[in-house]
Amino acid sequence: LASYAIGWFRQAPGKEREGVSCIGSFGDITNYVDSVK
């Protein structure tokens, strides 16, 4: 996985897929959806 950026998503019943968090390949770039910060 070293060369890939990785994202975490979640999907609750009846709801659309939601982006939760992500991290760049270098590990120095991260993002979070407001609800989990």
PDB file of all heavy atoms in Angstrom:
ATOM      1  N   LEU A   1       0.805  -1.213   0.000  1.00  0.00           N
ATOM      2  CA  LEU A   1       0.000   0.000   0.000  1.00  0.00           C
ATOM      3  C   LEU A   1       0.839   1.264   0.000  1.00  0.00           C
ATOM      4  O   LEU A   1       0.293   2.364   0.001  1.00  0.00           O
ATOM      5  CB  LEU A   1      -0.930   0.016   1.220  1.00  0.00           C
ATOM      6  CG  LEU A   1      -2.000  -1.068   1.297  1.00  0.00           C
ATOM      7  CD1 LEU A   1      -2.850  -0.876   2.539  1.00  0.00           C
ATOM      8  CD2 LEU A   1      -2.869  -1.059   0.048  1.00  0.00           C
ATOM      9  N   ALA A   2       2.142   1.126  -0.014  1.00  0.00           N
ATOM     10  CA  ALA A   2       3.028   2.267   0.153  1.00  0.00           C
ATOM     11  C   ALA A   2       2.826   3.344  -0.903  1.00  0.00           C
ATOM     12  O   ALA A   2       3.028   4.528  -0.632  1.00  0.00           O
ATOM     13  CB  ALA A   2       4.483   1.809   0.162  1.00  0.00           C
ATOM     14  N   SER A   3       2.447   2.956  -2.098  1.00  0.00           N
ATOM     15  CA  SER A   3       2.335   3.906  -3.199  1.00  0.00           C
ATOM     16  C   SER A   3       0.934   4.489  -3.371  1.00  0.00           C
ATOM     17  O   SER A   3       0.708   5.272  -4.295  1.00  0.00           O
ATOM     18  CB  SER A   3       2.768   3.248  -4.508  1.00  0.00           C
ATOM     19  OG  SER A   3       4.123   2.831  -4.448  1.00  0.00           O
ATOM     20  N   TYR A   4       0.015   4.118  -2.514  1.00  0.00           N
ATOM     21  CA  TYR A   4      -1.376   4.531  -2.653  1.00  0.00           C
ATOM     22  C   TYR A   4      -1.811   5.465  -1.539  1.00  0.00           C
ATOM     23  O   TYR A   4      -1.429   5.294  -0.382  1.00  0.00           O
ATOM     24  CB  TYR A   4      -2.304   3.317  -2.640  1.00  0.00           C
ATOM     25  CG  TYR A   4      -2.129   2.380  -3.808  1.00  0.00           C
ATOM     26  CD1 TYR A   4      -1.167   1.383  -3.769  1.00  0.00           C
ATOM     27  CD2 TYR A   4      -2.936   2.486  -4.929  1.00  0.00           C
ATOM     28  CE1 TYR A   4      -1.002   0.511  -4.840  1.00  0.00           C
ATOM     29  CE2 TYR A   4      -2.788   1.621  -5.994  1.00  0.00           C
ATOM     30  CZ  TYR A   4      -1.819   0.638  -5.949  1.00  0.00           C
ATOM     31  OH  TYR A   4      -1.672  -0.228  -7.004  1.00  0.00           O
ATOM     32  N   ALA A   5      -2.618   6.434  -1.898  1.00  0.00           N
ATOM     33  CA  ALA A   5      -3.384   7.154  -0.894  1.00  0.00           C
ATOM     34  C   ALA A   5      -4.559   6.278  -0.475  1.00  0.00           C
ATOM     35  O   ALA A   5      -5.141   5.582  -1.308  1.00  0.00           O
ATOM     36  CB  ALA A   5      -3.879   8.487  -1.448  1.00  0.00           C
ATOM     37  N   ILE A   6      -4.898   6.291   0.801  1.00  0.00           N
ATOM     38  CA  ILE A   6      -5.941   5.425   1.332  1.00  0.00           C
ATOM     39  C   ILE A   6      -7.033   6.255   1.978  1.00  0.00           C
ATOM     40  O   ILE A   6      -6.755   7.171   2.753  1.00  0.00           O
ATOM     41  CB  ILE A   6      -5.374   4.430   2.354  1.00  0.00           C
ATOM     42  CG1 ILE A   6      -4.297   3.550   1.712  1.00  0.00           C
ATOM     43  CG2 ILE A   6      -6.494   3.555   2.931  1.00  0.00           C
ATOM     44  CD1 ILE A   6      -4.800   2.659   0.586  1.00  0.00           C
ATOM     45  N   GLY A   7      -8.260   5.910   1.668  1.00  0.00           N
ATOM     46  CA  GLY A   7      -9.401   6.561   2.284  1.00  0.00           C
ATOM     47  C   GLY A   7     -10.261   5.565   3.034  1.00  0.00           C
ATOM     48  O   GLY A   7     -10.323   4.384   2.687  1.00  0.00           O
ATOM     49  N   TRP A   8     -10.902   6.037   4.087  1.00  0.00           N
ATOM     50  CA  TRP A   8     -11.903   5.263   4.817  1.00  0.00           C
ATOM     51  C   TRP A   8     -13.269   5.861   4.553  1.00  0.00           C
ATOM     52  O   TRP A   8     -13.459   7.078   4.675  1.00  0.00           O
ATOM     53  CB  TRP A   8     -11.629   5.256   6.320  1.00  0.00           C
ATOM     54  CG  TRP A   8     -10.535   4.327   6.745  1.00  0.00           C
ATOM     55  CD1 TRP A   8      -9.245   4.639   7.012  1.00  0.00           C
ATOM     56  CD2 TRP A   8     -10.658   2.917   6.969  1.00  0.00           C
ATOM     57  NE1 TRP A   8      -8.546   3.521   7.385  1.00  0.00           N
ATOM     58  CE2 TRP A   8      -9.383   2.452   7.370  1.00  0.00           C
ATOM     59  CE3 TRP A   8     -11.715   2.008   6.877  1.00  0.00           C
ATOM     60  CZ2 TRP A   8      -9.146   1.115   7.670  1.00  0.00           C
ATOM     61  CZ3 TRP A   8     -11.466   0.679   7.172  1.00  0.00           C
ATOM     62  CH2 TRP A   8     -10.199   0.247   7.560  1.00  0.00           C
ATOM     63  N   PHE A   9     -14.218   5.016   4.209  1.00  0.00           N
ATOM     64  CA  PHE A   9     -15.583   5.415   3.944  1.00  0.00           C
ATOM     65  C   PHE A   9     -16.519   4.572   4.777  1.00  0.00           C
ATOM     66  O   PHE A   9     -16.153   3.495   5.240  1.00  0.00           O
ATOM     67  CB  PHE A   9     -15.915   5.267   2.452  1.00  0.00           C
ATOM     68  CG  PHE A   9     -15.139   6.189   1.559  1.00  0.00           C
ATOM     69  CD1 PHE A   9     -13.819   5.914   1.225  1.00  0.00           C
ATOM     70  CD2 PHE A   9     -15.719   7.342   1.052  1.00  0.00           C
ATOM     71  CE1 PHE A   9     -13.094   6.761   0.406  1.00  0.00           C
ATOM     72  CE2 PHE A   9     -15.012   8.201   0.223  1.00  0.00           C
ATOM     73  CZ  PHE A   9     -13.696   7.905  -0.090  1.00  0.00           C
ATOM     74  N   ARG A  10     -17.721   5.043   4.946  1.00  0.00           N
ATOM     75  CA  ARG A  10     -18.710   4.264   5.673  1.00  0.00           C
ATOM     76  C   ARG A  10     -20.073   4.431   5.033  1.00  0.00           C
ATOM     77  O   ARG A  10     -20.366   5.437   4.407  1.00  0.00           O
ATOM     78  CB  ARG A  10     -18.767   4.663   7.153  1.00  0.00           C
ATOM     79  CG  ARG A  10     -19.228   6.092   7.418  1.00  0.00           C
ATOM     80  CD  ARG A  10     -19.077   6.426   8.893  1.00  0.00           C
ATOM     81  NE  ARG A  10     -19.502   7.780   9.196  1.00  0.00           N
ATOM     82  CZ  ARG A  10     -19.375   8.354  10.392  1.00  0.00           C
ATOM     83  NH1 ARG A  10     -18.819   7.678  11.395  1.00  0.00           N
ATOM     84  NH2 ARG A  10     -19.799   9.600  10.581  1.00  0.00           N
ATOM     85  N   GLN A  11     -20.897   3.421   5.214  1.00  0.00           N
ATOM     86  CA  GLN A  11     -22.242   3.452   4.675  1.00  0.00           C
ATOM     87  C   GLN A  11     -23.201   2.824   5.676  1.00  0.00           C
ATOM     88  O   GLN A  11     -23.081   1.649   6.008  1.00  0.00           O
ATOM     89  CB  GLN A  11     -22.323   2.722   3.338  1.00  0.00           C
ATOM     90  CG  GLN A  11     -23.653   2.883   2.635  1.00  0.00           C
ATOM     91  CD  GLN A  11     -23.591   2.488   1.174  1.00  0.00           C
ATOM     92  OE1 GLN A  11     -22.734   1.693   0.777  1.00  0.00           O
ATOM     93  NE2 GLN A  11     -24.484   3.028   0.371  1.00  0.00           N
ATOM     94  N   ALA A  12     -24.124   3.627   6.151  1.00  0.00           N
ATOM     95  CA  ALA A  12     -25.163   3.162   7.048  1.00  0.00           C
ATOM     96  C   ALA A  12     -26.373   2.739   6.230  1.00  0.00           C
ATOM     97  O   ALA A  12     -26.564   3.195   5.091  1.00  0.00           O
ATOM     98  CB  ALA A  12     -25.544   4.258   8.037  1.00  0.00           C
ATOM     99  N   PRO A  13     -27.228   1.877   6.782  1.00  0.00           N
ATOM    100  CA  PRO A  13     -28.408   1.424   6.042  1.00  0.00           C
ATOM    101  C   PRO A  13     -29.261   2.588   5.558  1.00  0.00           C
ATOM    102  O   PRO A  13     -29.606   3.486   6.326  1.00  0.00           O
ATOM    103  CB  PRO A  13     -29.158   0.578   7.069  1.00  0.00           C
ATOM    104  CG  PRO A  13     -28.092   0.079   7.985  1.00  0.00           C
ATOM    105  CD  PRO A  13     -27.114   1.219   8.090  1.00  0.00           C
ATOM    106  N   GLY A  14     -29.587   2.587   4.280  1.00  0.00           N
ATOM    107  CA  GLY A  14     -30.432   3.611   3.711  1.00  0.00           C
ATOM    108  C   GLY A  14     -29.753   4.937   3.442  1.00  0.00           C
ATOM    109  O   GLY A  14     -30.419   5.889   3.025  1.00  0.00           O
ATOM    110  N   LYS A  15     -28.453   5.018   3.670  1.00  0.00           N
ATOM    111  CA  LYS A  15     -27.731   6.260   3.472  1.00  0.00           C
ATOM    112  C   LYS A  15     -26.649   6.105   2.405  1.00  0.00           C
ATOM    113  O   LYS A  15     -26.227   4.997   2.089  1.00  0.00           O
ATOM    114  CB  LYS A  15     -27.100   6.739   4.779  1.00  0.00           C
ATOM    115  CG  LYS A  15     -28.106   7.103   5.859  1.00  0.00           C
ATOM    116  CD  LYS A  15     -27.422   7.680   7.077  1.00  0.00           C
ATOM    117  CE  LYS A  15     -28.429   8.095   8.134  1.00  0.00           C
ATOM    118  NZ  LYS A  15     -27.756   8.677   9.331  1.00  0.00           N
ATOM    119  N   GLU A  16     -26.223   7.230   1.882  1.00  0.00           N
ATOM    120  CA  GLU A  16     -25.175   7.240   0.879  1.00  0.00           C
ATOM    121  C   GLU A  16     -23.814   6.989   1.517  1.00  0.00           C
ATOM    122  O   GLU A  16     -23.605   7.231   2.705  1.00  0.00           O
ATOM    123  CB  GLU A  16     -25.170   8.564   0.131  1.00  0.00           C
ATOM    124  CG  GLU A  16     -26.422   8.843  -0.692  1.00  0.00           C
ATOM    125  CD  GLU A  16     -26.553   7.894  -1.858  1.00  0.00           C
ATOM    126  OE1 GLU A  16     -25.524   7.530  -2.459  1.00  0.00           O
ATOM    127  OE2 GLU A  16     -27.691   7.503  -2.170  1.00  0.00           O
ATOM    128  N   ARG A  17     -22.893   6.517   0.720  1.00  0.00           N
ATOM    129  CA  ARG A  17     -21.524   6.311   1.158  1.00  0.00           C
ATOM    130  C   ARG A  17     -20.905   7.650   1.543  1.00  0.00           C
ATOM    131  O   ARG A  17     -21.013   8.636   0.807  1.00  0.00           O
ATOM    132  CB  ARG A  17     -20.739   5.628   0.033  1.00  0.00           C
ATOM    133  CG  ARG A  17     -19.317   5.268   0.357  1.00  0.00           C
ATOM    134  CD  ARG A  17     -18.738   4.326  -0.685  1.00  0.00           C
ATOM    135  NE  ARG A  17     -19.384   4.452  -1.974  1.00  0.00           N
ATOM    136  CZ  ARG A  17     -19.096   3.725  -3.037  1.00  0.00           C
ATOM    137  NH1 ARG A  17     -18.153   2.801  -2.978  1.00  0.00           N
ATOM    138  NH2 ARG A  17     -19.750   3.910  -4.175  1.00  0.00           N
ATOM    139  N   GLU A  18     -20.235   7.694   2.685  1.00  0.00           N
ATOM    140  CA  GLU A  18     -19.688   8.914   3.236  1.00  0.00           C
ATOM    141  C   GLU A  18     -18.188   8.779   3.449  1.00  0.00           C
ATOM    142  O   GLU A  18     -17.723   7.792   4.027  1.00  0.00           O
ATOM    143  CB  GLU A  18     -20.363   9.246   4.572  1.00  0.00           C
ATOM    144  CG  GLU A  18     -19.794  10.464   5.277  1.00  0.00           C
ATOM    145  CD  GLU A  18     -20.344  10.647   6.668  1.00  0.00           C
ATOM    146  OE1 GLU A  18     -20.625   9.625   7.334  1.00  0.00           O
ATOM    147  OE2 GLU A  18     -20.525  11.804   7.085  1.00  0.00           O
ATOM    148  N   GLY A  19     -17.443   9.771   3.015  1.00  0.00           N
ATOM    149  CA  GLY A  19     -16.021   9.790   3.278  1.00  0.00           C
ATOM    150  C   GLY A  19     -15.749  10.146   4.729  1.00  0.00           C
ATOM    151  O   GLY A  19     -16.278  11.132   5.237  1.00  0.00           O
ATOM    152  N   VAL A  20     -14.923   9.370   5.401  1.00  0.00           N
ATOM    153  CA  VAL A  20     -14.626   9.555   6.811  1.00  0.00           C
ATOM    154  C   VAL A  20     -13.252  10.179   7.017  1.00  0.00           C
ATOM    155  O   VAL A  20     -13.098  11.174   7.735  1.00  0.00           O
ATOM    156  CB  VAL A  20     -14.712   8.227   7.583  1.00  0.00           C
ATOM    157  CG1 VAL A  20     -14.349   8.429   9.052  1.00  0.00           C
ATOM    158  CG2 VAL A  20     -16.105   7.628   7.445  1.00  0.00           C
ATOM    159  N   SER A  21     -12.252   9.593   6.388  1.00  0.00           N
ATOM    160  CA  SER A  21     -10.890  10.067   6.560  1.00  0.00           C
ATOM    161  C   SER A  21     -10.032   9.555   5.417  1.00  0.00           C
ATOM    162  O   SER A  21     -10.382   8.589   4.748  1.00  0.00           O
ATOM    163  CB  SER A  21     -10.323   9.592   7.905  1.00  0.00           C
ATOM    164  OG  SER A  21      -9.028  10.122   8.130  1.00  0.00           O
ATOM    165  N   CYS A  22      -8.902  10.202   5.201  1.00  0.00           N
ATOM    166  CA  CYS A  22      -7.977   9.751   4.176  1.00  0.00           C
ATOM    167  C   CYS A  22      -6.568  10.133   4.573  1.00  0.00           C
ATOM    168  O   CYS A  22      -6.354  11.031   5.388  1.00  0.00           O
ATOM    169  CB  CYS A  22      -8.331  10.314   2.793  1.00  0.00           C
ATOM    170  SG  CYS A  22      -8.365  12.116   2.697  1.00  0.00           S
ATOM    171  N   ILE A  23      -5.606   9.439   3.977  1.00  0.00           N
ATOM    172  CA  ILE A  23      -4.207   9.702   4.250  1.00  0.00           C
ATOM    173  C   ILE A  23      -3.412   9.523   2.968  1.00  0.00           C
ATOM    174  O   ILE A  23      -3.628   8.570   2.218  1.00  0.00           O
ATOM    175  CB  ILE A  23      -3.676   8.789   5.380  1.00  0.00           C
ATOM    176  CG1 ILE A  23      -2.252   9.175   5.773  1.00  0.00           C
ATOM    177  CG2 ILE A  23      -3.749   7.315   4.976  1.00  0.00           C
ATOM    178  CD1 ILE A  23      -1.791   8.514   7.072  1.00  0.00           C
ATOM    179  N   GLY A  24      -2.519  10.452   2.707  1.00  0.00           N
ATOM    180  CA  GLY A  24      -1.689  10.373   1.530  1.00  0.00           C
ATOM    181  C   GLY A  24      -0.601   9.324   1.677  1.00  0.00           C
ATOM    182  O   GLY A  24      -0.323   8.827   2.765  1.00  0.00           O
ATOM    183  N   SER A  25       0.029   8.995   0.565  1.00  0.00           N
ATOM    184  CA  SER A  25       1.071   7.971   0.566  1.00  0.00           C
ATOM    185  C   SER A  25       2.221   8.322   1.491  1.00  0.00           C
ATOM    186  O   SER A  25       2.807   7.440   2.125  1.00  0.00           O
ATOM    187  CB  SER A  25       1.587   7.748  -0.855  1.00  0.00           C
ATOM    188  OG  SER A  25       2.643   6.797  -0.880  1.00  0.00           O
ATOM    189  N   PHE A  26       2.553   9.595   1.562  1.00  0.00           N
ATOM    190  CA  PHE A  26       3.671  10.025   2.386  1.00  0.00           C
ATOM    191  C   PHE A  26       3.310  10.106   3.865  1.00  0.00           C
ATOM    192  O   PHE A  26       4.194  10.270   4.704  1.00  0.00           O
ATOM    193  CB  PHE A  26       4.197  11.376   1.905  1.00  0.00           C
ATOM    194  CG  PHE A  26       4.623  11.375   0.472  1.00  0.00           C
ATOM    195  CD1 PHE A  26       4.025  12.216  -0.451  1.00  0.00           C
ATOM    196  CD2 PHE A  26       5.622  10.526   0.032  1.00  0.00           C
ATOM    197  CE1 PHE A  26       4.414  12.217  -1.775  1.00  0.00           C
ATOM    198  CE2 PHE A  26       6.025  10.512  -1.288  1.00  0.00           C
ATOM    199  CZ  PHE A  26       5.420  11.365  -2.199  1.00  0.00           C
ATOM    200  N   GLY A  27       2.035  10.032   4.191  1.00  0.00           N
ATOM    201  CA  GLY A  27       1.583  10.063   5.565  1.00  0.00           C
ATOM    202  C   GLY A  27       1.488  11.437   6.180  1.00  0.00           C
ATOM    203  O   GLY A  27       1.083  11.561   7.344  1.00  0.00           O
ATOM    204  N   ASP A  28       1.841  12.467   5.443  1.00  0.00           N
ATOM    205  CA  ASP A  28       1.834  13.820   5.984  1.00  0.00           C
ATOM    206  C   ASP A  28       0.579  14.603   5.621  1.00  0.00           C
ATOM    207  O   ASP A  28       0.427  15.742   6.064  1.00  0.00           O
ATOM    208  CB  ASP A  28       3.076  14.589   5.525  1.00  0.00           C
ATOM    209  CG  ASP A  28       3.223  14.635   4.012  1.00  0.00           C
ATOM    210  OD1 ASP A  28       2.586  13.820   3.320  1.00  0.00           O
ATOM    211  OD2 ASP A  28       3.985  15.480   3.522  1.00  0.00           O
ATOM    212  N   ILE A  29      -0.288  14.022   4.821  1.00  0.00           N
ATOM    213  CA  ILE A  29      -1.536  14.665   4.435  1.00  0.00           C
ATOM    214  C   ILE A  29      -2.690  13.812   4.936  1.00  0.00           C
ATOM    215  O   ILE A  29      -2.792  12.642   4.582  1.00  0.00           O
ATOM    216  CB  ILE A  29      -1.634  14.847   2.914  1.00  0.00           C
ATOM    217  CG1 ILE A  29      -0.470  15.696   2.398  1.00  0.00           C
ATOM    218  CG2 ILE A  29      -2.961  15.477   2.535  1.00  0.00           C
ATOM    219  CD1 ILE A  29      -0.427  15.813   0.884  1.00  0.00           C
ATOM    220  N   THR A  30      -3.527  14.387   5.764  1.00  0.00           N
ATOM    221  CA  THR A  30      -4.706  13.690   6.264  1.00  0.00           C
ATOM    222  C   THR A  30      -5.909  14.614   6.221  1.00  0.00           C
ATOM    223  O   THR A  30      -5.777  15.837   6.331  1.00  0.00           O
ATOM    224  CB  THR A  30      -4.517  13.184   7.704  1.00  0.00           C
ATOM    225  OG1 THR A  30      -4.226  14.288   8.565  1.00  0.00           O
ATOM    226  CG2 THR A  30      -3.374  12.179   7.783  1.00  0.00           C
ATOM    227  N   ASN A  31      -7.078  14.032   6.079  1.00  0.00           N
ATOM    228  CA  ASN A  31      -8.332  14.775   6.111  1.00  0.00           C
ATOM    229  C   ASN A  31      -9.366  13.976   6.880  1.00  0.00           C
ATOM    230  O   ASN A  31      -9.331  12.748   6.899  1.00  0.00           O
ATOM    231  CB  ASN A  31      -8.841  15.062   4.700  1.00  0.00           C
ATOM    232  CG  ASN A  31      -8.046  16.139   3.991  1.00  0.00           C
ATOM    233  OD1 ASN A  31      -7.863  17.232   4.522  1.00  0.00           O
ATOM    234  ND2 ASN A  31      -7.572  15.843   2.784  1.00  0.00           N
ATOM    235  N   TYR A  32     -10.302  14.691   7.498  1.00  0.00           N
ATOM    236  CA  TYR A  32     -11.372  14.070   8.261  1.00  0.00           C
ATOM    237  C   TYR A  32     -12.686  14.786   7.985  1.00  0.00           C
ATOM    238  O   TYR A  32     -12.722  16.012   7.830  1.00  0.00           O
ATOM    239  CB  TYR A  32     -11.108  14.139   9.764  1.00  0.00           C
ATOM    240  CG  TYR A  32      -9.853  13.447  10.217  1.00  0.00           C
ATOM    241  CD1 TYR A  32      -8.646  14.129  10.275  1.00  0.00           C
ATOM    242  CD2 TYR A  32      -9.881  12.103  10.601  1.00  0.00           C
ATOM    243  CE1 TYR A  32      -7.486  13.498  10.695  1.00  0.00           C
ATOM    244  CE2 TYR A  32      -8.725  11.471  11.025  1.00  0.00           C
ATOM    245  CZ  TYR A  32      -7.531  12.171  11.069  1.00  0.00           C
ATOM    246  OH  TYR A  32      -6.387  11.540  11.492  1.00  0.00           O
ATOM    247  N   VAL A  33     -13.747  14.027   7.945  1.00  0.00           N
ATOM    248  CA  VAL A  33     -15.054  14.639   7.891  1.00  0.00           C
ATOM    249  C   VAL A  33     -15.329  15.294   9.252  1.00  0.00           C
ATOM    250  O   VAL A  33     -14.844  14.823  10.290  1.00  0.00           O
ATOM    251  CB  VAL A  33     -16.138  13.591   7.536  1.00  0.00           C
ATOM    252  CG1 VAL A  33     -16.313  12.579   8.657  1.00  0.00           C
ATOM    253  CG2 VAL A  33     -17.455  14.259   7.184  1.00  0.00           C
ATOM    254  N   ASP A  34     -16.054  16.393   9.248  1.00  0.00           N
ATOM    255  CA  ASP A  34     -16.233  17.180  10.465  1.00  0.00           C
ATOM    256  C   ASP A  34     -16.787  16.363  11.630  1.00  0.00           C
ATOM    257  O   ASP A  34     -16.412  16.583  12.787  1.00  0.00           O
ATOM    258  CB  ASP A  34     -17.146  18.371  10.191  1.00  0.00           C
ATOM    259  CG  ASP A  34     -16.478  19.457   9.374  1.00  0.00           C
ATOM    260  OD1 ASP A  34     -15.236  19.449   9.273  1.00  0.00           O
ATOM    261  OD2 ASP A  34     -17.201  20.316   8.842  1.00  0.00           O
ATOM    262  N   SER A  35     -17.654  15.431  11.350  1.00  0.00           N
ATOM    263  CA  SER A  35     -18.330  14.692  12.408  1.00  0.00           C
ATOM    264  C   SER A  35     -17.406  13.776  13.209  1.00  0.00           C
ATOM    265  O   SER A  35     -17.780  13.325  14.291  1.00  0.00           O
ATOM    266  CB  SER A  35     -19.487  13.873  11.828  1.00  0.00           C
ATOM    267  OG  SER A  35     -19.023  12.928  10.884  1.00  0.00           O
ATOM    268  N   VAL A  36     -16.210  13.494  12.705  1.00  0.00           N
ATOM    269  CA  VAL A  36     -15.297  12.600  13.420  1.00  0.00           C
ATOM    270  C   VAL A  36     -14.025  13.294  13.877  1.00  0.00           C
ATOM    271  O   VAL A  36     -13.191  12.658  14.536  1.00  0.00           O
ATOM    272  CB  VAL A  36     -14.920  11.366  12.570  1.00  0.00           C
ATOM    273  CG1 VAL A  36     -16.169  10.680  12.034  1.00  0.00           C
ATOM    274  CG2 VAL A  36     -13.984  11.744  11.428  1.00  0.00           C
ATOM    275  N   LYS A  37     -13.870  14.558  13.576  1.00  0.00           N
ATOM    276  CA  LYS A  37     -12.674  15.279  13.979  1.00  0.00           C
ATOM    277  C   LYS A  37     -12.527  15.288  15.496  1.00  0.00           C
ATOM    278  O   LYS A  37     -13.480  15.546  16.221  1.00  0.00           O
ATOM    279  CB  LYS A  37     -12.709  16.715  13.454  1.00  0.00           C
ATOM    280  CG  LYS A  37     -12.493  16.827  11.962  1.00  0.00           C
ATOM    281  CD  LYS A  37     -12.500  18.284  11.504  1.00  0.00           C
ATOM    282  CE  LYS A  37     -12.229  18.389  10.011  1.00  0.00           C
ATOM    283  NZ  LYS A  37     -12.281  19.790   9.533  1.00  0.00           N
TER     284      LYS A  37
END
